[in-house]
Amino acid sequence: MVGLALDPPPSRSRPPRRHRSLAGFAVLAVLMGTFAAGFWLGRASVRKGWFVGADAIAGAGVPSAAGATSTSTPTATPTATPTSTPTSTSTSTATATPTATSTATPTASAASASTVATSAPPGSPRRLAITLSGPLEDGIVAALGAGDRRLASELTAVVNRLLLWDVRIARDGRKGDRLEVIWTPPHAAAPGLPDSGEPVVEALRYASSKLGKVVAAYRFQEEGARWPRYFRPDGSELEPRLVDAPISEYEQITSLLRDGRRHKGVDFKTPVGSPVHAPFDGVVERRNWNFAGNGNCLDIRDLATGRHAIFLHLDVLPKEMAVGRAVKKGQVIASSGNSGHSFAPHLHYQLEDAAGKVLDPFEVQRTETRVIPAAQRPAFESARKKLDAALAT
């Protein structure tokens, strides 16, 4: 490091005072000129996009809700073909396949990219695109406009849990992987009040060099469905469903054992009062322990295997669900709630073996994958194509 001494030590050959003043003035002028040039260059580079790697664009024609009709259609063509695990039966407009071969796990502190900040109206869709060169959240922070950076952690969590069914970024991410997202920020219920909910991802596409494929998901609400769900390009649902599920009415899975948060259960986002079912024949082992954290809760022991199904944050428990009560598979044993240490209505479902080891329900229970009915495929294909065009804008 070079040190600049503002008051140099005395010198036998010290120049006259007037010369020293002129020299100091010249140095100051050079420093100020350099600063001004750097400031101008920085602003110009952001305006003209001289740095490549990340952007955040409020896209015209981006569908603002699942299945919504766009007012203008972007003409750009996507650069990669989604090839998710299920066999695709839809026609994609993309043609290229990711060819990155780097095997280095992203460890840089941030994406080496610029940010194109926008002044999009609150609640309008945004496009975000990054080339991975470090932790996912750092790249998202770098790509968001200044007004949206406060949402970086929440947006990262939403993106990560959608990708987790195919890609675990911490394990599978590689430098050069490309992520494109269409997302909508949450709204404030009224001026001065905090935002309600979390950012909503309308569509995403991730080109993985390690897996050699592109993972894509689209938010779409089927006719007659209570909530929008996420689907792959071939019309199959992104999230598999448990056959003997503890809950059948839920909007989305918001926490998994595999998401790296050391959470011991699966969280189902669902309104207070949704029916909760026993996943097997069993007996009530415990109820309402550690109430401050768990809220209203039940522990059901499987008579055949000794496994335990644990349900936390329930609404008011039925009195008949007393310790020792026998229950049948599929029987309604309680309703979901928001009790205990819970930040939003949901059901926490935890599965343990007889020795108390936590199990992943999606690995030990049977699952099934739903597919959009044939009658609704045209509507899905229309929405998907618009989102694909918006992703590639």
Protein backbone atom coordinates (compact mmCIF):
# COMPACT_ATOMS: atom_id res chain seq x y z
CA MET A 1 0.00 0.00 0.00
CA VAL A 2 1.28 3.47 -0.89
CA GLY A 3 0.95 6.09 1.82
CA LEU A 4 0.39 9.74 0.94
CA ALA A 5 1.94 12.17 3.43
CA LEU A 6 0.09 15.46 3.45
CA ASP A 7 2.83 17.02 5.55
CA PRO A 8 6.14 15.69 4.16
CA PRO A 9 9.18 15.66 6.47
CA PRO A 10 11.61 18.56 6.28
CA SER A 11 14.12 18.45 3.42
CA ARG A 12 17.41 20.23 3.00
CA SER A 13 16.45 20.92 -0.62
CA ARG A 14 12.97 22.20 0.26
CA PRO A 15 11.70 24.46 -2.58
CA PRO A 16 10.54 27.99 -1.93
CA ARG A 17 7.12 28.28 -0.25
CA ARG A 18 5.45 29.61 -3.42
CA HIS A 19 6.63 26.61 -5.46
CA ARG A 20 5.39 24.21 -2.78
CA SER A 21 1.94 25.83 -2.89
CA LEU A 22 1.78 25.57 -6.67
CA ALA A 23 2.85 21.90 -6.52
CA GLY A 24 0.20 21.09 -3.91
CA PHE A 25 -2.45 22.85 -5.97
CA ALA A 26 -1.45 20.83 -9.05
CA VAL A 27 -1.68 17.52 -7.14
CA LEU A 28 -5.10 18.46 -5.76
CA ALA A 29 -6.31 19.41 -9.25
CA VAL A 30 -5.16 16.05 -10.67
CA LEU A 31 -6.92 14.11 -7.87
CA MET A 32 -10.16 16.02 -8.36
CA GLY A 33 -10.00 15.52 -12.11
CA THR A 34 -9.44 11.77 -11.67
CA PHE A 35 -12.41 11.51 -9.28
CA ALA A 36 -14.68 13.40 -11.67
CA ALA A 37 -13.62 11.23 -14.61
CA GLY A 38 -14.22 8.05 -12.62
CA PHE A 39 -17.68 9.26 -11.54
CA TRP A 40 -18.64 10.10 -15.13
CA LEU A 41 -17.29 6.77 -16.40
CA GLY A 42 -19.23 4.83 -13.77
CA ARG A 43 -22.53 6.52 -14.63
CA ALA A 44 -21.94 6.11 -18.35
CA SER A 45 -21.12 2.44 -17.99
CA VAL A 46 -24.37 1.74 -16.12
CA ARG A 47 -26.41 3.72 -18.67
CA LYS A 48 -24.83 2.01 -21.66
CA GLY A 49 -24.54 -1.46 -20.14
CA TRP A 50 -20.78 -1.76 -20.60
CA PHE A 51 -20.57 -4.37 -17.88
CA VAL A 52 -22.37 -7.65 -18.62
CA GLY A 53 -23.70 -10.25 -16.23
CA ALA A 54 -26.80 -9.12 -14.32
CA ASP A 55 -29.82 -6.99 -14.94
CA ALA A 56 -33.15 -6.10 -13.38
CA ILE A 57 -35.64 -4.89 -15.96
CA ALA A 58 -39.29 -4.00 -15.49
CA GLY A 59 -40.52 -5.76 -18.59
CA ALA A 60 -43.35 -4.49 -20.71
CA GLY A 61 -45.69 -7.29 -21.68
CA VAL A 62 -44.75 -9.50 -18.73
CA PRO A 63 -47.82 -11.35 -17.40
CA SER A 64 -48.59 -9.82 -14.02
CA ALA A 65 -50.45 -12.86 -12.69
CA ALA A 66 -50.66 -16.54 -13.41
CA GLY A 67 -52.46 -17.07 -16.69
CA ALA A 68 -52.95 -13.30 -17.25
CA THR A 69 -52.96 -11.90 -20.77
CA SER A 70 -50.03 -9.68 -21.71
CA THR A 71 -50.58 -6.34 -23.39
CA SER A 72 -47.51 -6.63 -25.62
CA THR A 73 -45.48 -9.62 -26.74
CA PRO A 74 -41.68 -9.48 -26.56
CA THR A 75 -39.99 -10.88 -29.66
CA ALA A 76 -36.75 -12.14 -28.15
CA THR A 77 -36.14 -15.88 -28.30
CA PRO A 78 -35.06 -17.86 -25.24
CA THR A 79 -31.52 -19.18 -25.35
CA ALA A 80 -31.95 -22.61 -23.79
CA THR A 81 -34.32 -25.56 -23.96
CA PRO A 82 -36.00 -26.61 -20.71
CA THR A 83 -35.35 -30.31 -20.21
CA SER A 84 -36.72 -31.05 -16.76
CA THR A 85 -36.89 -34.60 -15.45
CA PRO A 86 -40.43 -35.52 -16.65
CA THR A 87 -40.71 -36.18 -20.39
CA SER A 88 -41.87 -32.97 -22.01
CA THR A 89 -44.83 -33.03 -24.32
CA SER A 90 -44.93 -29.30 -25.01
CA THR A 91 -43.20 -27.39 -27.77
CA SER A 92 -40.54 -24.95 -26.58
CA THR A 93 -39.33 -21.96 -28.54
CA ALA A 94 -35.79 -22.38 -27.25
CA THR A 95 -33.02 -24.12 -29.17
CA ALA A 96 -29.66 -23.81 -27.46
CA THR A 97 -28.21 -26.03 -24.74
CA PRO A 98 -25.93 -24.70 -22.00
CA THR A 99 -22.29 -25.45 -22.82
CA ALA A 100 -20.47 -24.08 -19.79
CA THR A 101 -17.91 -26.56 -18.50
CA SER A 102 -16.59 -24.89 -15.37
CA THR A 103 -16.65 -27.16 -12.34
CA ALA A 104 -15.66 -24.62 -9.72
CA THR A 105 -18.26 -24.13 -7.01
CA PRO A 106 -19.28 -20.46 -6.74
CA THR A 107 -17.38 -18.92 -3.85
CA ALA A 108 -16.95 -15.32 -4.94
CA SER A 109 -18.40 -12.67 -2.68
CA ALA A 110 -20.72 -11.27 -5.34
CA ALA A 111 -21.68 -11.52 -8.98
CA SER A 112 -19.16 -9.70 -11.18
CA ALA A 113 -21.87 -7.74 -12.92
CA SER A 114 -23.55 -4.41 -13.10
CA THR A 115 -27.07 -3.48 -12.04
CA VAL A 116 -29.54 -1.75 -14.31
CA ALA A 117 -31.83 -0.09 -11.79
CA THR A 118 -35.38 0.75 -12.83
CA SER A 119 -38.22 2.79 -11.42
CA ALA A 120 -40.95 0.23 -12.01
CA PRO A 121 -44.30 0.93 -10.31
CA PRO A 122 -44.86 -0.99 -7.07
CA GLY A 123 -46.38 -4.39 -7.74
CA SER A 124 -45.47 -4.52 -11.43
CA PRO A 125 -43.50 -7.52 -12.77
CA ARG A 126 -39.73 -7.31 -12.95
CA ARG A 127 -37.18 -9.31 -14.91
CA LEU A 128 -33.99 -10.34 -13.19
CA ALA A 129 -31.10 -12.13 -14.89
CA ILE A 130 -27.72 -13.04 -13.46
CA THR A 131 -24.70 -15.08 -14.42
CA LEU A 132 -23.58 -16.94 -11.33
CA SER A 133 -20.12 -16.06 -10.01
CA GLY A 134 -20.68 -16.33 -6.27
CA PRO A 135 -23.43 -16.98 -3.70
CA LEU A 136 -26.91 -16.80 -5.20
CA GLU A 137 -28.10 -14.04 -2.89
CA ASP A 138 -25.06 -11.86 -3.71
CA GLY A 139 -25.86 -12.15 -7.39
CA ILE A 140 -29.51 -11.27 -6.79
CA VAL A 141 -28.52 -8.27 -4.66
CA ALA A 142 -26.25 -7.03 -7.45
CA ALA A 143 -29.00 -7.43 -10.05
CA LEU A 144 -31.82 -5.72 -8.14
CA GLY A 145 -32.59 -2.05 -8.44
CA ALA A 146 -31.89 0.09 -5.39
CA GLY A 147 -35.57 0.18 -4.42
CA ASP A 148 -35.88 -3.61 -4.46
CA ARG A 149 -32.69 -4.68 -2.69
CA ARG A 150 -34.46 -4.89 0.66
CA LEU A 151 -36.30 -7.90 -0.82
CA ALA A 152 -33.14 -9.75 -1.84
CA SER A 153 -33.17 -12.32 0.99
CA GLU A 154 -36.85 -13.15 0.55
CA LEU A 155 -36.58 -13.36 -3.24
CA THR A 156 -33.54 -15.63 -2.91
CA ALA A 157 -35.49 -17.94 -0.59
CA VAL A 158 -38.41 -18.17 -3.04
CA VAL A 159 -36.11 -18.86 -6.01
CA ASN A 160 -34.11 -21.41 -4.05
CA ARG A 161 -37.10 -23.46 -2.92
CA LEU A 162 -38.43 -23.63 -6.49
CA LEU A 163 -35.07 -24.84 -7.79
CA LEU A 164 -34.55 -27.35 -4.97
CA TRP A 165 -36.63 -30.02 -6.68
CA ASP A 166 -33.91 -30.21 -9.36
CA VAL A 167 -30.88 -28.12 -8.37
CA ARG A 168 -29.27 -27.41 -5.02
CA ILE A 169 -27.34 -24.24 -5.72
CA ALA A 170 -24.89 -24.71 -2.83
CA ARG A 171 -23.95 -28.14 -4.19
CA ASP A 172 -24.71 -28.02 -7.91
CA GLY A 173 -24.20 -24.33 -8.78
CA ARG A 174 -21.24 -23.48 -11.02
CA LYS A 175 -19.71 -20.23 -12.17
CA GLY A 176 -21.29 -19.25 -15.45
CA ASP A 177 -24.71 -20.77 -14.70
CA ARG A 178 -27.49 -18.47 -15.89
CA LEU A 179 -30.62 -17.58 -13.90
CA GLU A 180 -33.57 -15.63 -15.30
CA VAL A 181 -36.59 -14.72 -13.18
CA ILE A 182 -39.88 -12.88 -13.69
CA TRP A 183 -41.05 -11.76 -10.26
CA THR A 184 -43.47 -9.38 -8.58
CA PRO A 185 -42.76 -7.59 -5.28
CA PRO A 186 -45.31 -7.76 -2.46
CA HIS A 187 -47.71 -4.86 -1.92
CA ALA A 188 -48.17 -2.73 1.15
CA ALA A 189 -51.73 -3.06 2.45
CA ALA A 190 -51.81 0.72 2.89
CA PRO A 191 -49.33 3.62 2.81
CA GLY A 192 -46.93 3.45 5.72
CA LEU A 193 -47.66 -0.21 6.49
CA PRO A 194 -45.16 -3.02 5.88
CA ASP A 195 -45.43 -5.28 2.86
CA SER A 196 -47.72 -8.26 3.18
CA GLY A 197 -46.57 -11.62 1.94
CA GLU A 198 -43.35 -12.25 0.02
CA PRO A 199 -42.12 -11.72 -3.54
CA VAL A 200 -43.97 -13.84 -6.09
CA VAL A 201 -41.99 -15.60 -8.81
CA GLU A 202 -44.07 -15.81 -11.98
CA ALA A 203 -41.48 -17.86 -13.90
CA LEU A 204 -37.85 -18.84 -13.72
CA ARG A 205 -35.26 -20.58 -15.83
CA TYR A 206 -31.89 -21.90 -14.64
CA ALA A 207 -29.22 -23.21 -17.03
CA SER A 208 -27.06 -25.67 -15.08
CA SER A 209 -23.66 -26.57 -16.54
CA LYS A 210 -23.21 -29.41 -14.04
CA LEU A 211 -26.54 -31.06 -14.85
CA GLY A 212 -26.34 -30.18 -18.54
CA LYS A 213 -29.94 -28.99 -18.67
CA VAL A 214 -32.23 -26.05 -18.14
CA VAL A 215 -34.69 -26.13 -15.25
CA ALA A 216 -37.83 -24.05 -15.74
CA ALA A 217 -41.00 -23.38 -13.73
CA TYR A 218 -44.13 -21.36 -14.52
CA ARG A 219 -46.82 -20.12 -12.16
CA PHE A 220 -50.26 -20.96 -13.52
CA GLN A 221 -53.73 -21.21 -12.04
CA GLU A 222 -55.91 -23.96 -13.44
CA GLU A 223 -59.59 -23.25 -13.98
CA GLY A 224 -61.43 -24.05 -10.75
CA ALA A 225 -58.22 -24.26 -8.71
CA ARG A 226 -58.06 -22.37 -5.43
CA TRP A 227 -54.48 -21.17 -5.95
CA PRO A 228 -51.90 -20.91 -8.72
CA ARG A 229 -49.27 -23.66 -8.74
CA TYR A 230 -45.87 -24.09 -10.40
CA PHE A 231 -45.53 -26.33 -13.45
CA ARG A 232 -42.72 -27.59 -15.62
CA PRO A 233 -42.65 -26.92 -19.39
CA ASP A 234 -44.38 -30.26 -20.06
CA GLY A 235 -47.36 -29.35 -17.85
CA SER A 236 -46.43 -31.54 -14.89
CA GLU A 237 -46.54 -29.98 -11.44
CA LEU A 238 -43.17 -28.90 -10.05
CA GLU A 239 -43.84 -30.10 -6.52
CA PRO A 240 -44.59 -33.82 -6.12
CA ARG A 241 -47.49 -34.60 -3.80
CA LEU A 242 -47.48 -37.03 -0.91
CA VAL A 243 -49.98 -39.83 -1.50
CA ASP A 244 -50.90 -40.07 2.18
CA ALA A 245 -50.56 -36.34 2.68
CA PRO A 246 -51.21 -34.68 6.05
CA ILE A 247 -53.00 -31.90 4.19
CA SER A 248 -54.67 -31.72 0.80
CA GLU A 249 -55.49 -28.01 0.63
CA TYR A 250 -52.30 -25.95 0.48
CA GLU A 251 -50.90 -23.23 -1.72
CA GLN A 252 -47.22 -24.11 -1.74
CA ILE A 253 -44.50 -25.95 0.15
CA THR A 254 -42.39 -23.23 1.75
CA SER A 255 -39.80 -25.31 3.61
CA LEU A 256 -38.08 -28.62 2.97
CA LEU A 257 -35.47 -30.65 4.80
CA ARG A 258 -33.16 -30.33 1.79
CA ASP A 259 -33.20 -26.51 1.67
CA GLY A 260 -30.18 -26.09 3.96
CA ARG A 261 -31.99 -24.19 6.72
CA ARG A 262 -31.73 -27.06 9.23
CA HIS A 263 -35.52 -27.15 9.44
CA LYS A 264 -36.78 -30.50 10.71
CA GLY A 265 -40.06 -30.60 8.85
CA VAL A 266 -42.01 -29.70 5.73
CA ASP A 267 -44.03 -26.49 5.86
CA PHE A 268 -47.26 -26.30 3.87
CA LYS A 269 -48.55 -22.77 3.25
CA THR A 270 -52.28 -22.95 3.92
CA PRO A 271 -54.99 -20.82 5.57
CA VAL A 272 -55.97 -21.29 9.19
CA GLY A 273 -58.63 -23.99 9.45
CA SER A 274 -57.43 -26.33 6.67
CA PRO A 275 -58.17 -29.98 7.61
CA VAL A 276 -55.16 -32.01 8.80
CA HIS A 277 -55.22 -35.79 8.22
CA ALA A 278 -53.43 -38.69 9.88
CA PRO A 279 -50.91 -40.15 7.39
CA PHE A 280 -51.20 -43.65 8.90
CA ASP A 281 -53.06 -45.68 11.53
CA GLY A 282 -51.70 -44.71 14.91
CA VAL A 283 -52.23 -43.41 18.40
CA VAL A 284 -51.89 -39.94 19.92
CA GLU A 285 -48.56 -39.95 21.76
CA ARG A 286 -48.34 -36.29 22.85
CA ARG A 287 -50.26 -33.05 22.57
CA ASN A 288 -49.35 -29.42 23.26
CA TRP A 289 -45.77 -29.80 24.51
CA ASN A 290 -43.39 -26.79 24.34
CA PHE A 291 -46.43 -24.62 23.64
CA ALA A 292 -44.50 -21.33 23.33
CA GLY A 293 -42.64 -22.62 20.29
CA ASN A 294 -44.86 -25.34 18.88
CA GLY A 295 -48.24 -23.83 19.63
CA ASN A 296 -51.05 -26.36 19.47
CA CYS A 297 -49.39 -29.60 18.40
CA LEU A 298 -49.91 -33.36 18.08
CA ASP A 299 -47.61 -36.37 17.93
CA ILE A 300 -49.09 -39.47 16.28
CA ARG A 301 -47.18 -42.79 16.57
CA ASP A 302 -47.48 -45.37 13.78
CA LEU A 303 -48.52 -48.68 15.33
CA ALA A 304 -46.86 -50.69 12.54
CA THR A 305 -43.43 -49.05 12.26
CA GLY A 306 -43.03 -46.94 15.36
CA ARG A 307 -42.64 -43.78 13.27
CA HIS A 308 -43.93 -40.49 14.59
CA ALA A 309 -45.86 -37.85 12.65
CA ILE A 310 -45.58 -34.47 14.38
CA PHE A 311 -47.87 -31.53 13.58
CA LEU A 312 -47.04 -28.03 14.86
CA HIS A 313 -48.76 -24.59 14.89
CA LEU A 314 -52.25 -26.10 14.73
CA ASP A 315 -55.48 -24.26 15.39
CA VAL A 316 -57.51 -25.21 18.50
CA LEU A 317 -57.15 -28.96 19.08
CA PRO A 318 -60.27 -31.11 19.34
CA LYS A 319 -60.74 -32.36 22.91
CA GLU A 320 -61.18 -35.90 21.70
CA MET A 321 -57.56 -35.95 20.43
CA ALA A 322 -56.32 -36.96 23.89
CA VAL A 323 -53.17 -38.95 24.58
CA GLY A 324 -53.86 -42.63 23.87
CA ARG A 325 -56.60 -41.94 21.30
CA ALA A 326 -56.43 -44.27 18.28
CA VAL A 327 -56.70 -42.65 14.82
CA LYS A 328 -57.13 -44.07 11.32
CA LYS A 329 -55.18 -43.15 8.18
CA GLY A 330 -56.88 -40.24 6.44
CA GLN A 331 -58.91 -39.26 9.50
CA VAL A 332 -59.15 -35.51 10.22
CA ILE A 333 -57.28 -35.04 13.48
CA ALA A 334 -57.06 -31.22 13.67
CA SER A 335 -56.97 -28.07 11.56
CA SER A 336 -53.99 -25.97 10.57
CA GLY A 337 -53.32 -22.71 12.35
CA ASN A 338 -50.75 -20.05 13.17
CA SER A 339 -50.04 -20.74 16.84
CA GLY A 340 -46.76 -20.76 18.73
CA HIS A 341 -43.60 -19.41 17.09
CA SER A 342 -45.12 -19.03 13.65
CA PHE A 343 -44.85 -16.05 11.30
CA ALA A 344 -47.69 -16.94 8.92
CA PRO A 345 -50.46 -19.56 8.67
CA HIS A 346 -49.00 -22.94 7.74
CA LEU A 347 -48.75 -26.58 8.77
CA HIS A 348 -45.42 -27.92 10.00
CA TYR A 349 -45.26 -31.68 9.28
CA GLN A 350 -42.36 -33.61 10.79
CA LEU A 351 -41.65 -37.31 10.37
CA GLU A 352 -39.32 -39.30 12.68
CA ASP A 353 -38.38 -42.95 12.96
CA ALA A 354 -38.81 -44.96 16.18
CA ALA A 355 -35.38 -43.81 17.42
CA GLY A 356 -36.17 -40.13 16.87
CA LYS A 357 -34.22 -39.65 13.64
CA VAL A 358 -35.80 -37.01 11.40
CA LEU A 359 -36.95 -38.37 8.04
CA ASP A 360 -37.74 -36.60 4.78
CA PRO A 361 -41.39 -37.39 3.95
CA PHE A 362 -40.63 -37.00 0.23
CA GLU A 363 -38.05 -39.78 0.47
CA VAL A 364 -39.89 -42.31 2.64
CA GLN A 365 -43.55 -41.75 1.67
CA ARG A 366 -45.10 -42.46 -1.71
CA THR A 367 -45.44 -39.46 -4.01
CA GLU A 368 -47.34 -38.66 -7.18
CA THR A 369 -47.03 -35.94 -9.82
CA ARG A 370 -50.11 -34.16 -11.12
CA VAL A 371 -50.40 -33.04 -14.75
CA ILE A 372 -52.52 -30.23 -16.16
CA PRO A 373 -55.69 -31.73 -17.71
CA ALA A 374 -55.78 -31.83 -21.51
CA ALA A 375 -58.67 -29.37 -21.63
CA GLN A 376 -56.54 -26.71 -19.90
CA ARG A 377 -53.30 -27.31 -21.78
CA PRO A 378 -53.96 -24.61 -24.43
CA ALA A 379 -54.34 -21.96 -21.71
CA PHE A 380 -51.15 -23.14 -20.01
CA GLU A 381 -49.21 -23.22 -23.29
CA SER A 382 -50.29 -19.66 -24.05
CA ALA A 383 -49.20 -18.43 -20.63
CA ARG A 384 -45.93 -20.36 -20.82
CA LYS A 385 -44.96 -18.93 -24.19
CA LYS A 386 -45.56 -15.38 -22.98
CA LEU A 387 -43.47 -16.01 -19.88
CA ASP A 388 -40.71 -17.61 -21.97
CA ALA A 389 -40.61 -14.51 -24.17
CA ALA A 390 -40.54 -12.26 -21.11
CA LEU A 391 -37.70 -14.28 -19.56
CA ALA A 392 -35.61 -13.83 -22.70
CA THR A 393 -36.30 -10.10 -23.17
